[in-house]
């Protein structure tokens, strides 16, 4: 149906030879752009983004200079958690289109030189999934219940949850069922919303099902999968208590009996064999919240997945010492696995980095240039190239994040990073679509739109375009395994990669560099090329070779 690509340039490494001499995989230096479909572009005017809308805006991504697009879930779903509650993994939800729209999107993306990565959600299904509905109907002790985690409750009448596990969204991770005769029944496990029951990956039918799902989308032409909750599939035997209290945080570094169990790696070794049945270097990317970078690196061993999100970097504040430490730790952890490090500042689950890091737009721009200078692969979240801030004043009645509605849950701010994008300076939804937008857009959103920023040399959009062009053209950027840290004043990061140098001032005051690093390539903000004074919240790229 679609042809596969050979467009990515050969990756280079700053660390010399090591395991796997041939490091030409396209993912090693790729810049991958996350699309949250319901908030990207609306093609049919119903107020919600869809695949036709994404397809119409693919030229923006090609012009931006990214290598691949990653699509958050668009599968058939009741949308209890933004599509991460799936009823049919082989169907497109009617809100987003149909399978022909998916096929056309993949074909158009490939025609523009973009690869396509889709989400896969293997930890849990929707409670409306055929398997779960059958399990409820057939009752305790039946084979249908073995594909999920059903357990009798504790207490005299089974009125207490089977253990003390908590949902990431707040409250117990267990919900009690009713038996077919209406009496109180067993409990089922859901690490997220009650509408998202966890699969039991000890059951062979679950393995078989997801192998067929992978092949279905690989046959459609996708280039890879982002694996949702990749660390959560296997639970510790006996489902032991955690012994802890307080709200579980997805971003935490706790060692837990339901996350990052060693058994998950057998699943991904099996999946890797499926990927290798297909031409064109199809990949798997782990959303794996592990206690440390060394545990994260286990997901990207040579016979498992290809990348893992670097959440330790995302969680690091705007501090030179902390950033240097997490970059060093990340590169050191990935090197034995011969896997590329990944870098990300924002996604659909966290506060946008312009707001989260403090310091406003100048700091966000500086953070972006730092990230794009690091060795490996970078992930961009839709709208960060526009410098969008978090929307923090959404009215309660507009909220849709399930965690917002749980009394002991998180603050629901995931909605604030999902507000639909502005494409034009005016109109009822700033070019998002003809029928308004499913979350209200702030006044003044049009000033940050694609049309308003295009052609403005000082805009954040043009900064990203220049940075991605330089990254593609400069062989010292992109793939690699190490950086050479350079002496720098307090609050300043400075490192070399071949003939490329990056300097970053994370402080609040200008700092004089000890020497001119080279010829100016790009600065995140106002910078006097004749001076060695590096302004606060500013990143500057330099070259010691011919100008790019």
Protein backbone atom coordinates (compact mmCIF):
# COMPACT_ATOMS: atom_id res chain seq x y z
CA UNK A 1 0.00 0.00 0.00
CA UNK A 2 2.81 2.39 0.86
CA UNK A 3 6.49 2.45 0.12
CA UNK A 4 9.14 2.77 2.77
CA UNK A 5 11.86 5.27 3.00
CA UNK A 6 15.59 5.53 2.96
CA UNK A 7 15.76 9.26 3.58
CA UNK A 8 17.55 9.59 6.92
CA UNK A 9 21.23 10.42 6.59
CA UNK A 10 23.78 8.02 8.01
CA UNK A 11 24.22 8.57 11.72
CA UNK A 12 27.61 9.51 13.11
CA UNK A 13 28.97 8.80 16.55
CA UNK A 14 31.23 10.97 18.64
CA UNK A 15 32.36 8.04 20.75
CA UNK A 16 33.98 5.88 18.10
CA UNK A 17 33.30 2.20 17.51
CA UNK A 18 31.60 0.00 20.06
CA UNK A 19 28.84 -2.59 20.03
CA UNK A 20 27.00 -2.68 16.70
CA UNK A 21 29.41 -1.09 14.25
CA UNK A 22 26.65 -0.37 11.72
CA UNK A 23 24.64 2.43 13.30
CA UNK A 24 22.67 3.71 10.35
CA UNK A 25 19.17 3.25 11.78
CA UNK A 26 17.03 6.27 10.94
CA UNK A 27 15.76 6.50 14.51
CA UNK A 28 19.24 7.20 15.90
CA UNK A 29 19.17 10.85 14.90
CA UNK A 30 15.48 11.37 14.15
CA UNK A 31 13.42 14.35 15.24
CA UNK A 32 9.96 12.95 15.89
CA UNK A 33 6.88 15.18 16.20
CA UNK A 34 4.00 14.11 18.41
CA UNK A 35 0.50 14.79 17.12
CA UNK A 36 -2.40 14.60 19.57
CA UNK A 37 -5.04 14.10 16.84
CA UNK A 38 -8.05 15.61 18.58
CA UNK A 39 -6.14 18.88 19.08
CA UNK A 40 -4.08 19.17 15.91
CA UNK A 41 -6.49 20.04 13.08
CA UNK A 42 -10.20 19.46 12.44
CA UNK A 43 -11.02 18.28 8.94
CA UNK A 44 -14.80 17.87 9.20
CA UNK A 45 -15.82 20.90 11.27
CA UNK A 46 -17.17 19.06 14.32
CA UNK A 47 -14.85 20.82 16.76
CA UNK A 48 -12.54 17.84 17.28
CA UNK A 49 -9.35 17.10 15.39
CA UNK A 50 -9.25 14.08 13.13
CA UNK A 51 -7.07 12.16 10.69
CA UNK A 52 -8.24 14.22 7.72
CA UNK A 53 -7.14 17.32 9.60
CA UNK A 54 -3.75 15.81 10.37
CA UNK A 55 -3.35 14.81 6.75
CA UNK A 56 -4.11 18.37 5.57
CA UNK A 57 -1.38 19.78 7.83
CA UNK A 58 1.39 17.30 7.04
CA UNK A 59 3.13 19.88 4.81
CA UNK A 60 3.69 22.00 7.94
CA UNK A 61 5.61 19.12 9.52
CA UNK A 62 7.64 18.47 6.38
CA UNK A 63 8.46 22.19 6.17
CA UNK A 64 9.39 22.27 9.84
CA UNK A 65 12.06 19.67 9.12
CA UNK A 66 11.06 16.73 11.31
CA UNK A 67 11.74 13.13 10.29
CA UNK A 68 8.65 11.37 11.60
CA UNK A 69 5.21 11.97 13.05
CA UNK A 70 3.94 10.07 16.07
CA UNK A 71 0.15 9.88 16.38
CA UNK A 72 -1.51 9.48 19.76
CA UNK A 73 -4.37 6.91 19.72
CA UNK A 74 -7.11 7.20 17.10
CA UNK A 75 -8.54 3.70 17.61
CA UNK A 76 -12.18 2.85 18.33
CA UNK A 77 -12.79 4.06 21.88
CA UNK A 78 -15.44 5.48 24.21
CA UNK A 79 -12.85 8.24 24.88
CA UNK A 80 -12.94 7.90 28.66
CA UNK A 81 -9.23 8.78 28.61
CA UNK A 82 -8.62 10.52 25.32
CA UNK A 83 -8.49 7.29 23.30
CA UNK A 84 -6.18 5.39 25.65
CA UNK A 85 -9.19 3.17 26.40
CA UNK A 86 -9.46 1.02 23.27
CA UNK A 87 -12.35 -1.20 22.22
CA UNK A 88 -10.94 -2.26 18.83
CA UNK A 89 -7.23 -1.97 18.04
CA UNK A 90 -7.84 -2.58 14.33
CA UNK A 91 -10.43 0.14 13.78
CA UNK A 92 -10.35 3.94 13.64
CA UNK A 93 -12.76 5.72 15.94
CA UNK A 94 -15.53 7.39 13.95
CA UNK A 95 -14.67 10.73 15.54
CA UNK A 96 -11.32 10.61 13.74
CA UNK A 97 -12.34 8.99 10.45
CA UNK A 98 -11.93 5.44 9.21
CA UNK A 99 -9.24 3.04 8.02
CA UNK A 100 -9.14 4.67 4.58
CA UNK A 101 -8.23 7.97 6.26
CA UNK A 102 -5.42 6.23 8.14
CA UNK A 103 -4.13 4.65 4.95
CA UNK A 104 -4.23 7.97 3.09
CA UNK A 105 -2.43 9.73 5.93
CA UNK A 106 0.35 7.14 5.95
CA UNK A 107 0.70 7.35 2.18
CA UNK A 108 0.79 11.16 2.15
CA UNK A 109 3.31 11.26 4.99
CA UNK A 110 5.62 8.88 3.16
CA UNK A 111 5.24 10.98 0.03
CA UNK A 112 6.49 13.98 2.00
CA UNK A 113 9.45 12.04 3.39
CA UNK A 114 7.90 11.57 6.85
CA UNK A 115 7.76 8.29 8.69
CA UNK A 116 4.69 7.42 10.78
CA UNK A 117 4.67 6.04 14.33
CA UNK A 118 1.38 5.09 15.98
CA UNK A 119 0.51 4.53 19.61
CA UNK A 120 -0.23 1.03 20.83
CA UNK A 121 -1.91 0.57 24.22
CA UNK A 122 -1.08 -2.93 25.53
CA UNK A 123 -1.38 -2.46 29.30
CA UNK A 124 -5.15 -2.09 29.36
CA UNK A 125 -8.24 -2.01 27.18
CA UNK A 126 -11.54 -0.17 27.45
CA UNK A 127 -14.10 -1.67 29.81
CA UNK A 128 -16.31 -1.78 26.70
CA UNK A 129 -13.85 -4.10 24.91
CA UNK A 130 -15.49 -7.34 23.78
CA UNK A 131 -13.17 -9.41 25.97
CA UNK A 132 -13.98 -7.48 29.14
CA UNK A 133 -17.70 -7.43 28.51
CA UNK A 134 -17.61 -11.19 28.02
CA UNK A 135 -15.65 -11.58 31.25
CA UNK A 136 -18.30 -9.62 33.16
CA UNK A 137 -21.14 -11.60 31.62
CA UNK A 138 -19.64 -15.04 32.19
CA UNK A 139 -18.72 -14.40 35.81
CA UNK A 140 -16.11 -15.64 38.30
CA UNK A 141 -14.01 -18.68 37.50
CA UNK A 142 -14.62 -18.56 33.74
CA UNK A 143 -11.82 -18.56 31.14
CA UNK A 144 -12.87 -15.11 29.88
CA UNK A 145 -11.76 -13.57 33.18
CA UNK A 146 -8.24 -14.94 32.88
CA UNK A 147 -7.29 -12.29 30.32
CA UNK A 148 -7.68 -9.56 32.97
CA UNK A 149 -6.84 -9.30 36.66
CA UNK A 150 -10.01 -10.35 38.51
CA UNK A 151 -9.63 -11.13 42.21
CA UNK A 152 -11.90 -11.72 45.22
CA UNK A 153 -11.92 -8.89 47.72
CA UNK A 154 -10.64 -8.91 51.26
CA UNK A 155 -12.80 -8.57 54.35
CA UNK A 156 -15.61 -10.72 55.67
CA UNK A 157 -17.74 -10.25 52.58
CA UNK A 158 -15.07 -9.34 50.03
CA UNK A 159 -15.91 -5.69 50.50
CA UNK A 160 -12.29 -4.49 50.52
CA UNK A 161 -9.92 -4.23 47.52
CA UNK A 162 -7.58 -7.20 47.00
CA UNK A 163 -4.49 -5.09 47.81
CA UNK A 164 -3.41 -1.52 48.49
CA UNK A 165 -2.53 -0.53 44.92
CA UNK A 166 -3.60 2.94 43.85
CA UNK A 167 -4.61 4.25 40.45
CA UNK A 168 -2.36 6.78 38.75
CA UNK A 169 -5.52 8.87 38.38
CA UNK A 170 -6.34 8.71 42.08
CA UNK A 171 -8.17 6.35 44.40
CA UNK A 172 -7.94 2.56 44.55
CA UNK A 173 -6.67 0.67 41.50
CA UNK A 174 -9.56 -1.77 41.95
CA UNK A 175 -13.26 -1.60 41.14
CA UNK A 176 -15.80 -4.13 42.34
CA UNK A 177 -18.04 -5.86 39.83
CA UNK A 178 -21.53 -7.23 40.10
CA UNK A 179 -22.13 -10.90 39.44
CA UNK A 180 -24.49 -11.84 36.61
CA UNK A 181 -27.23 -12.23 39.25
CA UNK A 182 -26.67 -8.69 40.55
CA UNK A 183 -24.87 -9.56 43.79
CA UNK A 184 -21.50 -7.94 44.65
CA UNK A 185 -18.72 -9.79 42.89
CA UNK A 186 -15.00 -9.83 42.28
CA UNK A 187 -12.76 -6.83 41.85
CA UNK A 188 -10.78 -5.97 38.71
CA UNK A 189 -7.48 -4.12 38.43
CA UNK A 190 -7.09 -0.79 36.64
CA UNK A 191 -3.89 1.15 37.16
CA UNK A 192 -5.56 4.08 35.42
CA UNK A 193 -9.28 4.89 35.13
CA UNK A 194 -11.96 2.30 36.06
CA UNK A 195 -12.84 2.30 32.35
CA UNK A 196 -9.33 0.92 31.63
CA UNK A 197 -9.00 -2.64 33.01
CA UNK A 198 -5.46 -4.04 32.91
CA UNK A 199 -4.74 -7.06 30.74
CA UNK A 200 -3.14 -10.08 32.38
CA UNK A 201 -0.06 -10.65 30.26
CA UNK A 202 0.47 -14.07 31.78
CA UNK A 203 -2.30 -15.28 29.44
CA UNK A 204 -1.10 -16.45 26.00
CA UNK A 205 -4.20 -15.04 24.28
CA UNK A 206 -3.07 -11.52 25.18
CA UNK A 207 0.32 -12.13 23.54
CA UNK A 208 -1.35 -13.56 20.45
CA UNK A 209 -3.76 -10.66 20.16
CA UNK A 210 -1.09 -8.00 20.23
CA UNK A 211 1.14 -9.80 17.75
CA UNK A 212 -1.76 -9.68 15.30
CA UNK A 213 -2.41 -6.01 16.08
CA UNK A 214 1.24 -5.15 15.39
CA UNK A 215 1.15 -6.98 12.07
CA UNK A 216 -2.16 -5.31 11.10
CA UNK A 217 -0.64 -1.83 11.34
CA UNK A 218 2.74 -2.87 9.94
CA UNK A 219 0.85 -4.21 6.93
CA UNK A 220 -0.83 -0.79 6.69
CA UNK A 221 2.63 0.73 6.35
CA UNK A 222 3.39 2.28 9.72
CA UNK A 223 7.06 2.67 10.58
CA UNK A 224 6.83 1.99 14.27
CA UNK A 225 4.94 2.03 17.54
CA UNK A 226 5.11 4.13 20.67
CA UNK A 227 4.29 1.64 23.42
CA UNK A 228 2.02 3.16 26.05
CA UNK A 229 2.85 2.22 29.66
CA UNK A 230 5.55 -0.11 28.35
CA UNK A 231 6.75 -0.69 31.91
CA UNK A 232 3.39 -1.83 33.24
CA UNK A 233 2.46 -5.04 31.44
CA UNK A 234 3.80 -7.55 33.96
CA UNK A 235 2.78 -7.48 37.61
CA UNK A 236 4.72 -9.09 40.46
CA UNK A 237 3.53 -12.66 41.31
CA UNK A 238 0.80 -12.64 43.91
CA UNK A 239 0.10 -8.93 43.41
CA UNK A 240 1.72 -7.95 46.75
CA UNK A 241 0.88 -4.79 48.67
CA UNK A 242 3.14 -1.81 48.10
CA UNK A 243 3.06 -0.92 51.78
CA UNK A 244 3.00 2.76 50.89
CA UNK A 245 0.33 5.40 51.10
CA UNK A 246 -0.29 8.63 49.26
CA UNK A 247 -1.12 9.38 45.66
CA UNK A 248 0.81 7.37 43.07
CA UNK A 249 2.48 9.55 40.48
CA UNK A 250 3.22 8.28 37.00
CA UNK A 251 6.33 10.45 36.95
CA UNK A 252 7.70 9.00 40.17
CA UNK A 253 10.83 6.92 40.64
CA UNK A 254 9.43 4.41 43.12
CA UNK A 255 10.08 0.70 42.79
CA UNK A 256 6.59 -0.79 42.54
CA UNK A 257 5.21 -4.33 42.07
CA UNK A 258 3.20 -3.30 39.02
CA UNK A 259 5.80 -1.23 37.13
CA UNK A 260 9.13 -2.14 35.52
CA UNK A 261 9.02 -5.86 36.34
CA UNK A 262 11.71 -7.92 34.62
CA UNK A 263 9.10 -10.01 32.80
CA UNK A 264 8.22 -7.16 30.43
CA UNK A 265 11.43 -7.73 28.51
CA UNK A 266 10.31 -11.11 27.16
CA UNK A 267 7.33 -9.33 25.60
CA UNK A 268 9.53 -6.87 23.76
CA UNK A 269 11.97 -9.51 22.58
CA UNK A 270 8.95 -11.20 21.00
CA UNK A 271 7.80 -7.93 19.45
CA UNK A 272 11.26 -7.22 18.06
CA UNK A 273 11.03 -10.46 16.08
CA UNK A 274 7.74 -9.22 14.60
CA UNK A 275 9.29 -5.87 13.61
CA UNK A 276 12.12 -7.66 11.86
CA UNK A 277 9.69 -9.58 9.66
CA UNK A 278 9.16 -6.29 7.80
CA UNK A 279 11.47 -4.18 5.62
CA UNK A 280 12.28 -0.55 6.24
CA UNK A 281 13.55 -0.55 9.83
CA UNK A 282 10.27 -0.58 11.77
CA UNK A 283 10.79 0.43 15.38
CA UNK A 284 9.36 0.28 18.89
CA UNK A 285 9.57 3.19 21.37
CA UNK A 286 9.00 2.54 25.06
CA UNK A 287 7.06 4.87 27.29
CA UNK A 288 8.82 3.40 30.29
CA UNK A 289 8.84 5.12 33.67
CA UNK A 290 11.72 3.34 35.38
CA UNK A 291 13.45 4.24 38.67
CA UNK A 292 16.67 5.25 36.92
CA UNK A 293 18.35 5.54 33.54
CA UNK A 294 20.04 2.15 33.92
CA UNK A 295 16.65 0.44 34.22
CA UNK A 296 15.33 2.43 31.26
CA UNK A 297 18.26 1.22 29.16
CA UNK A 298 17.12 -2.40 29.57
CA UNK A 299 14.18 -1.69 27.25
CA UNK A 300 16.51 -0.86 24.36
CA UNK A 301 18.87 -3.79 24.39
CA UNK A 302 19.77 -5.05 20.93
CA UNK A 303 16.94 -7.60 20.78
CA UNK A 304 14.21 -5.45 22.35
CA UNK A 305 12.84 -1.99 21.50
CA UNK A 306 14.77 0.71 19.67
CA UNK A 307 14.17 3.77 21.83
CA UNK A 308 12.87 4.66 25.29
CA UNK A 309 11.63 8.05 26.37
CA UNK A 310 14.04 9.88 28.63
CA UNK A 311 11.67 11.06 31.33
CA UNK A 312 14.54 11.73 33.71
CA UNK A 313 15.61 14.55 31.39
CA UNK A 314 12.05 15.87 31.12
CA UNK A 315 11.81 16.03 34.91
CA UNK A 316 15.04 18.02 35.30
CA UNK A 317 14.73 21.71 36.12
CA UNK A 318 16.50 24.61 34.45
CA UNK A 319 19.79 24.24 36.30
CA UNK A 320 23.19 23.77 34.67
CA UNK A 321 24.55 21.26 37.18
CA UNK A 322 21.38 19.15 37.17
CA UNK A 323 21.17 19.18 33.39
CA UNK A 324 24.81 18.20 33.00
CA UNK A 325 24.30 15.33 35.44
CA UNK A 326 21.21 13.94 33.72
CA UNK A 327 22.75 14.24 30.24
CA UNK A 328 25.87 12.41 31.39
CA UNK A 329 23.87 9.73 33.19
CA UNK A 330 21.57 9.23 30.20
CA UNK A 331 24.40 8.85 27.69
CA UNK A 332 26.35 6.55 30.01
CA UNK A 333 23.30 4.34 30.54
CA UNK A 334 22.50 3.97 26.84
CA UNK A 335 26.05 3.38 25.64
CA UNK A 336 26.33 -0.31 26.73
CA UNK A 337 23.07 -1.04 24.91
CA UNK A 338 24.35 0.72 21.76
CA UNK A 339 21.03 2.58 21.76
CA UNK A 340 20.46 6.28 21.10
CA UNK A 341 19.48 8.55 23.94
CA UNK A 342 16.20 10.39 23.49
CA UNK A 343 15.34 13.88 24.66
CA UNK A 344 11.92 15.41 25.25
CA UNK A 345 10.64 18.56 26.93
CA UNK A 346 6.86 18.31 26.53
CA UNK A 347 4.13 15.82 25.68
CA UNK A 348 0.38 15.32 26.08
CA UNK A 349 0.73 14.25 29.74
CA UNK A 350 2.81 17.07 31.25
CA UNK A 351 2.66 20.83 31.60
CA UNK A 352 4.17 22.50 28.53
CA UNK A 353 7.80 23.34 29.15
CA UNK A 354 7.36 27.06 28.46
CA UNK A 355 5.28 27.13 31.66
CA UNK A 356 6.81 24.24 33.58
CA UNK A 357 10.40 25.52 33.47
CA UNK A 358 9.47 29.08 34.42
CA UNK A 359 11.20 31.94 32.69
CA UNK A 360 8.68 32.24 29.90
CA UNK A 361 9.40 32.10 26.19
CA UNK A 362 13.14 32.96 26.31
CA UNK A 363 13.83 29.98 28.58
CA UNK A 364 11.64 27.69 26.47
CA UNK A 365 13.57 28.66 23.34
CA UNK A 366 16.90 28.14 25.08
CA UNK A 367 15.78 24.74 26.36
CA UNK A 368 14.74 23.71 22.85
CA UNK A 369 18.14 24.53 21.34
CA UNK A 370 19.89 22.68 24.14
CA UNK A 371 17.76 19.58 23.57
CA UNK A 372 18.28 19.64 19.80
CA UNK A 373 22.07 19.85 20.31
CA UNK A 374 22.30 16.64 22.37
CA UNK A 375 23.37 13.29 20.87
CA UNK A 376 20.54 11.01 19.78
CA UNK A 377 16.91 11.49 18.89
CA UNK A 378 14.61 14.37 19.89
CA UNK A 379 10.84 14.45 20.38
CA UNK A 380 8.76 17.57 19.83
CA UNK A 381 5.20 17.98 21.08
CA UNK A 382 2.75 19.72 18.80
CA UNK A 383 2.71 23.47 19.36
CA UNK A 384 6.06 23.75 21.09
CA UNK A 385 7.47 25.07 17.82
CA UNK A 386 4.99 27.94 18.28
CA UNK A 387 6.12 28.59 21.84
CA UNK A 388 2.68 27.73 23.22
CA UNK A 389 2.28 28.06 26.99
CA UNK A 390 0.18 25.82 29.19
CA UNK A 391 -3.44 26.96 29.36
CA UNK A 392 -3.96 27.17 33.11
CA UNK A 393 -7.35 28.88 33.32
CA UNK A 394 -9.68 26.39 31.64
CA UNK A 395 -13.12 26.44 33.26
CA UNK A 396 -14.05 23.33 35.23
CA UNK A 397 -16.94 22.59 32.89
CA UNK A 398 -14.52 22.32 29.97
CA UNK A 399 -12.23 19.77 31.63
CA UNK A 400 -12.08 16.27 30.19
CA UNK A 401 -9.02 14.70 31.83
CA UNK A 402 -10.32 11.76 33.92
CA UNK A 403 -7.87 12.52 36.69
CA UNK A 404 -9.63 15.85 37.23
CA UNK A 405 -12.80 14.08 38.30
CA UNK A 406 -11.26 11.80 40.92
CA UNK A 407 -11.44 13.28 44.38
CA UNK A 408 -7.93 12.22 45.37
CA UNK A 409 -6.55 12.41 41.86
CA UNK A 410 -4.08 14.63 40.10
CA UNK A 411 -4.83 18.25 39.27
CA UNK A 412 -6.18 17.60 35.79
CA UNK A 413 -3.70 19.94 34.13
CA UNK A 414 -3.22 17.51 31.25
CA UNK A 415 -6.07 19.37 29.58
CA UNK A 416 -3.97 22.53 29.58
CA UNK A 417 -1.40 21.11 27.15
CA UNK A 418 -4.10 19.66 24.88
CA UNK A 419 -5.83 22.88 23.83
CA UNK A 420 -6.21 22.85 20.00
CA UNK A 421 -3.48 24.51 17.96
CA UNK A 422 -3.77 27.95 16.35
CA UNK A 423 -3.06 27.87 12.63
CA UNK A 424 -4.29 31.32 11.59
CA UNK A 425 -4.45 34.72 13.27
CA UNK A 426 -8.25 34.91 13.19
CA UNK A 427 -11.39 32.88 12.83
CA UNK A 428 -13.61 31.09 15.31
CA UNK A 429 -10.89 28.57 16.19
CA UNK A 430 -7.77 30.24 14.76
CA UNK A 431 -7.78 27.88 11.79
CA UNK A 432 -8.17 24.68 13.82
CA UNK A 433 -11.48 23.97 12.04
CA UNK A 434 -14.81 25.41 11.00
CA UNK A 435 -16.76 24.22 14.05
CA UNK A 436 -14.96 25.72 17.04
CA UNK A 437 -12.72 23.63 19.28
CA UNK A 438 -13.41 20.94 21.86
CA UNK A 439 -11.36 22.82 24.48
CA UNK A 440 -11.59 26.63 24.56
CA UNK A 441 -8.61 28.46 23.11
CA UNK A 442 -7.31 31.54 24.93
CA UNK A 443 -7.81 35.03 23.60
CA UNK A 444 -4.71 36.09 21.73
CA UNK A 445 -3.99 32.50 20.62
CA UNK A 446 -3.86 33.80 17.03
CA UNK A 447 -0.73 35.83 17.80
CA UNK A 448 1.09 32.51 18.29
CA UNK A 449 -0.37 30.87 15.18
CA UNK A 450 1.57 29.31 12.32
CA UNK A 451 0.48 32.04 9.93
CA UNK A 452 1.45 34.83 12.34
CA UNK A 453 4.93 33.41 12.93
CA UNK A 454 5.80 32.23 9.43
CA UNK A 455 8.37 34.54 7.85
CA UNK A 456 9.09 36.43 11.07
CA UNK A 457 12.83 35.86 11.65
CA UNK A 458 12.42 36.46 15.39
CA UNK A 459 9.56 34.00 15.85
CA UNK A 460 9.83 30.71 17.69
CA UNK A 461 8.56 28.83 14.65
CA UNK A 462 11.37 30.17 12.46
CA UNK A 463 13.88 29.40 15.22
CA UNK A 464 12.79 25.74 15.17
CA UNK A 465 12.92 25.65 11.38
CA UNK A 466 16.48 27.01 11.35
CA UNK A 467 17.58 24.70 14.16
CA UNK A 468 16.22 21.59 12.47
CA UNK A 469 17.79 22.56 9.16
CA UNK A 470 21.18 23.05 10.82
CA UNK A 471 20.76 19.79 12.72
CA UNK A 472 20.14 17.94 9.48
CA UNK A 473 23.03 19.60 7.63
CA UNK A 474 25.66 19.37 10.37
CA UNK A 475 27.21 15.92 10.71
CA UNK A 476 28.30 16.72 14.27
CA UNK A 477 24.66 16.93 15.37
CA UNK A 478 22.10 14.15 15.63
CA UNK A 479 23.29 10.66 16.46
CA UNK A 480 26.15 10.06 18.84
CA UNK A 481 27.00 8.63 22.24
CA UNK A 482 28.85 11.35 24.13
CA UNK A 483 29.66 15.02 24.53
CA UNK A 484 32.89 16.70 25.57
CA UNK A 485 32.10 19.00 28.47
CA UNK A 486 34.03 22.28 28.34
CA UNK A 487 35.06 24.53 31.23
CA UNK A 488 32.31 27.06 31.92
CA UNK A 489 31.32 29.62 34.55
CA UNK A 490 28.71 28.77 37.18
CA UNK A 491 25.25 28.42 35.70
CA UNK A 492 26.60 27.77 32.19
CA UNK A 493 26.66 24.52 30.23
CA UNK A 494 29.22 24.19 27.46
CA UNK A 495 29.97 21.11 25.39
CA UNK A 496 31.62 20.14 22.14
CA UNK A 497 30.59 17.57 19.55
CA UNK A 498 33.26 17.44 16.87
CA UNK A 499 33.31 20.86 15.28
CA UNK A 500 30.10 21.95 17.00
CA UNK A 501 29.89 23.77 20.36
CA UNK A 502 26.82 24.56 22.44
CA UNK A 503 26.78 27.11 25.27
CA UNK A 504 23.79 27.62 27.58
CA UNK A 505 23.28 30.20 30.31
CA UNK A 506 20.70 28.86 32.78
CA UNK A 507 21.23 31.73 35.21
CA UNK A 508 19.45 35.02 35.75
CA UNK A 509 22.36 37.30 34.83
CA UNK A 510 24.63 37.67 31.78
CA UNK A 511 27.83 35.63 32.00
CA UNK A 512 31.10 36.27 30.14
CA UNK A 513 32.41 33.22 28.32
CA UNK A 514 36.12 32.46 28.91
CA UNK A 515 36.81 32.38 25.16
CA UNK A 516 35.01 32.59 21.85
CA UNK A 517 33.96 28.98 21.05
CA UNK A 518 33.89 29.46 17.28
CA UNK A 519 31.74 31.00 14.58
CA UNK A 520 28.12 31.77 15.50
CA UNK A 521 25.56 29.39 14.01
CA UNK A 522 22.35 30.16 15.89
CA UNK A 523 21.17 31.83 19.10
CA UNK A 524 17.90 31.26 20.93
CA UNK A 525 17.56 34.96 21.72
CA UNK A 526 19.24 38.32 21.25
CA UNK A 527 23.00 37.86 21.21
CA UNK A 528 25.79 40.24 20.23
CA UNK A 529 28.08 38.23 17.99
CA UNK A 530 30.93 40.58 18.78
CA UNK A 531 30.68 39.97 22.51
CA UNK A 532 31.48 37.09 24.81
CA UNK A 533 28.64 38.09 27.13
CA UNK A 534 26.05 35.27 27.14
CA UNK A 535 22.62 36.61 28.21
CA UNK A 536 20.48 34.72 30.75
CA UNK A 537 18.16 31.99 29.46
CA UNK A 538 20.05 31.84 26.18
CA UNK A 539 21.54 29.00 24.16
CA UNK A 540 24.08 29.66 21.39
CA UNK A 541 25.30 27.21 18.76
CA UNK A 542 28.82 27.63 17.36
CA UNK A 543 30.96 25.92 14.74
CA UNK A 544 34.71 25.59 14.72
CA UNK A 545 34.68 24.49 11.10
CA UNK A 546 33.18 25.95 7.92
CA UNK A 547 29.91 27.79 8.52
CA UNK A 548 26.84 25.58 7.96
